Amino acid sequence: MRFYEFASAIKKPLTADQAKIQGMKNQVKNTQKTIKAEKARQKIKAGQQQLLKANSN
């Protein structure tokens, strides 16, 4: 590898304010993933209930 390929990998430590913002951004991303997973779970549950209802008739 060449030196310029390593230059982009080196990062300076974040300041307190930057770390706070980065932490908030990470929290938003994690919350969005959790919401997406929960919506999918609810959709699957609703589909399963529909199947049970259709099979019982």
N, C-alpha and C. Protein backbone atom coordinates (compact mmCIF):
# COMPACT_ATOMS: atom_id res chain seq x y z
N MET A 1 0.84 -1.19 0.00
CA MET A 1 0.00 0.00 0.00
C MET A 1 0.88 1.24 0.00
N ARG A 2 0.33 2.24 -0.52
CA ARG A 2 1.07 3.50 -0.57
C ARG A 2 0.69 4.38 0.61
N PHE A 3 1.53 5.37 0.87
CA PHE A 3 1.31 6.23 2.02
C PHE A 3 -0.03 6.96 1.96
N TYR A 4 -0.43 7.44 0.79
CA TYR A 4 -1.67 8.20 0.69
C TYR A 4 -2.89 7.33 0.98
N GLU A 5 -2.74 6.02 0.85
CA GLU A 5 -3.85 5.12 1.19
C GLU A 5 -4.04 5.00 2.70
N PHE A 6 -2.96 5.19 3.44
CA PHE A 6 -3.05 5.16 4.90
C PHE A 6 -3.49 6.51 5.46
N ALA A 7 -3.23 7.57 4.75
CA ALA A 7 -3.51 8.91 5.26
C ALA A 7 -5.01 9.09 5.56
N SER A 8 -5.88 8.49 4.75
CA SER A 8 -7.31 8.64 4.98
C SER A 8 -7.78 7.80 6.17
N ALA A 9 -7.02 6.77 6.54
CA ALA A 9 -7.41 5.90 7.64
C ALA A 9 -7.07 6.51 9.00
N ILE A 10 -6.15 7.44 9.03
CA ILE A 10 -5.74 8.07 10.28
C ILE A 10 -6.73 9.17 10.62
N LYS A 11 -7.32 9.07 11.82
CA LYS A 11 -8.29 10.07 12.25
C LYS A 11 -7.83 10.66 13.57
N LYS A 12 -8.04 11.96 13.70
CA LYS A 12 -7.73 12.62 14.96
C LYS A 12 -8.86 12.35 15.94
N PRO A 13 -8.56 12.37 17.22
CA PRO A 13 -9.63 12.18 18.20
C PRO A 13 -10.65 13.32 18.12
N LEU A 14 -11.90 13.00 18.41
CA LEU A 14 -12.95 14.01 18.34
C LEU A 14 -12.92 14.89 19.57
N THR A 15 -13.32 16.13 19.37
CA THR A 15 -13.46 17.02 20.52
C THR A 15 -14.71 16.58 21.28
N ALA A 16 -14.91 17.15 22.46
CA ALA A 16 -16.07 16.77 23.27
C ALA A 16 -17.37 17.07 22.54
N ASP A 17 -17.45 18.22 21.90
CA ASP A 17 -18.66 18.59 21.17
C ASP A 17 -18.89 17.67 19.96
N GLN A 18 -17.82 17.37 19.25
CA GLN A 18 -17.94 16.49 18.09
C GLN A 18 -18.33 15.08 18.53
N ALA A 19 -17.78 14.62 19.64
CA ALA A 19 -18.12 13.29 20.15
C ALA A 19 -19.59 13.25 20.57
N LYS A 20 -20.08 14.33 21.15
CA LYS A 20 -21.49 14.39 21.56
C LYS A 20 -22.39 14.30 20.34
N ILE A 21 -22.06 15.05 19.29
CA ILE A 21 -22.85 15.03 18.06
C ILE A 21 -22.78 13.65 17.42
N GLN A 22 -21.59 13.07 17.37
CA GLN A 22 -21.44 11.74 16.78
C GLN A 22 -22.24 10.70 17.56
N GLY A 23 -22.24 10.82 18.87
CA GLY A 23 -23.02 9.91 19.70
C GLY A 23 -24.51 10.04 19.43
N MET A 24 -24.98 11.27 19.24
CA MET A 24 -26.39 11.50 18.93
C MET A 24 -26.74 10.91 17.56
N LYS A 25 -25.86 11.08 16.60
CA LYS A 25 -26.09 10.52 15.27
C LYS A 25 -26.17 9.01 15.34
N ASN A 26 -25.27 8.39 16.11
CA ASN A 26 -25.29 6.94 16.26
C ASN A 26 -26.57 6.48 16.93
N GLN A 27 -27.02 7.25 17.91
CA GLN A 27 -28.26 6.91 18.60
C GLN A 27 -29.44 6.96 17.65
N VAL A 28 -29.47 7.97 16.79
CA VAL A 28 -30.55 8.08 15.81
C VAL A 28 -30.54 6.88 14.87
N LYS A 29 -29.37 6.51 14.39
CA LYS A 29 -29.25 5.37 13.48
C LYS A 29 -29.73 4.09 14.16
N ASN A 30 -29.32 3.89 15.40
CA ASN A 30 -29.73 2.68 16.12
C ASN A 30 -31.23 2.67 16.36
N THR A 31 -31.80 3.82 16.68
CA THR A 31 -33.24 3.91 16.91
C THR A 31 -34.00 3.62 15.62
N GLN A 32 -33.51 4.14 14.51
CA GLN A 32 -34.16 3.88 13.23
C GLN A 32 -34.14 2.39 12.89
N LYS A 33 -33.03 1.73 13.16
CA LYS A 33 -32.93 0.29 12.92
C LYS A 33 -33.92 -0.47 13.81
N THR A 34 -34.02 -0.04 15.07
CA THR A 34 -34.93 -0.70 16.01
C THR A 34 -36.38 -0.52 15.56
N ILE A 35 -36.73 0.69 15.13
CA ILE A 35 -38.09 0.95 14.66
C ILE A 35 -38.40 0.11 13.43
N LYS A 36 -37.46 0.03 12.51
CA LYS A 36 -37.66 -0.76 11.30
C LYS A 36 -37.88 -2.24 11.65
N ALA A 37 -37.09 -2.75 12.57
CA ALA A 37 -37.23 -4.14 12.99
C ALA A 37 -38.57 -4.38 13.67
N GLU A 38 -38.99 -3.44 14.50
CA GLU A 38 -40.27 -3.58 15.20
C GLU A 38 -41.44 -3.54 14.23
N LYS A 39 -41.38 -2.66 13.25
CA LYS A 39 -42.44 -2.60 12.24
C LYS A 39 -42.51 -3.92 11.47
N ALA A 40 -41.36 -4.48 11.13
CA ALA A 40 -41.34 -5.75 10.41
C ALA A 40 -41.92 -6.86 11.28
N ARG A 41 -41.59 -6.85 12.58
CA ARG A 41 -42.11 -7.86 13.49
C ARG A 41 -43.63 -7.76 13.59
N GLN A 42 -44.14 -6.53 13.69
CA GLN A 42 -45.58 -6.33 13.78
C GLN A 42 -46.28 -6.75 12.49
N LYS A 43 -45.64 -6.49 11.35
CA LYS A 43 -46.22 -6.88 10.07
C LYS A 43 -46.30 -8.40 9.95
N ILE A 44 -45.25 -9.07 10.40
CA ILE A 44 -45.23 -10.53 10.37
C ILE A 44 -46.32 -11.08 11.29
N LYS A 45 -46.43 -10.50 12.48
CA LYS A 45 -47.44 -10.96 13.44
C LYS A 45 -48.85 -10.78 12.86
N ALA A 46 -49.10 -9.64 12.22
CA ALA A 46 -50.41 -9.40 11.61
C ALA A 46 -50.68 -10.41 10.50
N GLY A 47 -49.69 -10.72 9.72
CA GLY A 47 -49.84 -11.71 8.65
C GLY A 47 -50.13 -13.09 9.20
N GLN A 48 -49.46 -13.45 10.27
CA GLN A 48 -49.69 -14.75 10.90
C GLN A 48 -51.11 -14.83 11.45
N GLN A 49 -51.59 -13.74 12.04
CA GLN A 49 -52.96 -13.72 12.57
C GLN A 49 -53.98 -13.84 11.44
N GLN A 50 -53.69 -13.21 10.31
CA GLN A 50 -54.59 -13.34 9.16
C GLN A 50 -54.64 -14.78 8.67
N LEU A 51 -53.48 -15.44 8.63
CA LEU A 51 -53.44 -16.83 8.21
C LEU A 51 -54.23 -17.72 9.17
N LEU A 52 -54.08 -17.50 10.45
CA LEU A 52 -54.82 -18.28 11.44
C LEU A 52 -56.33 -18.06 11.28
N LYS A 53 -56.69 -16.81 11.03
CA LYS A 53 -58.09 -16.47 10.87
C LYS A 53 -58.65 -17.13 9.59
N ALA A 54 -57.88 -17.11 8.54
CA ALA A 54 -58.33 -17.69 7.27
C ALA A 54 -58.40 -19.22 7.38
N ASN A 55 -57.48 -19.82 8.08
CA ASN A 55 -57.46 -21.27 8.24
C ASN A 55 -58.58 -21.77 9.15
N SER A 56 -59.00 -20.94 10.10
CA SER A 56 -60.04 -21.36 11.03
C SER A 56 -61.43 -21.29 10.41
N ASN A 57 -61.57 -20.52 9.33
CA ASN A 57 -62.88 -20.41 8.67
C ASN A 57 -63.16 -21.55 7.77
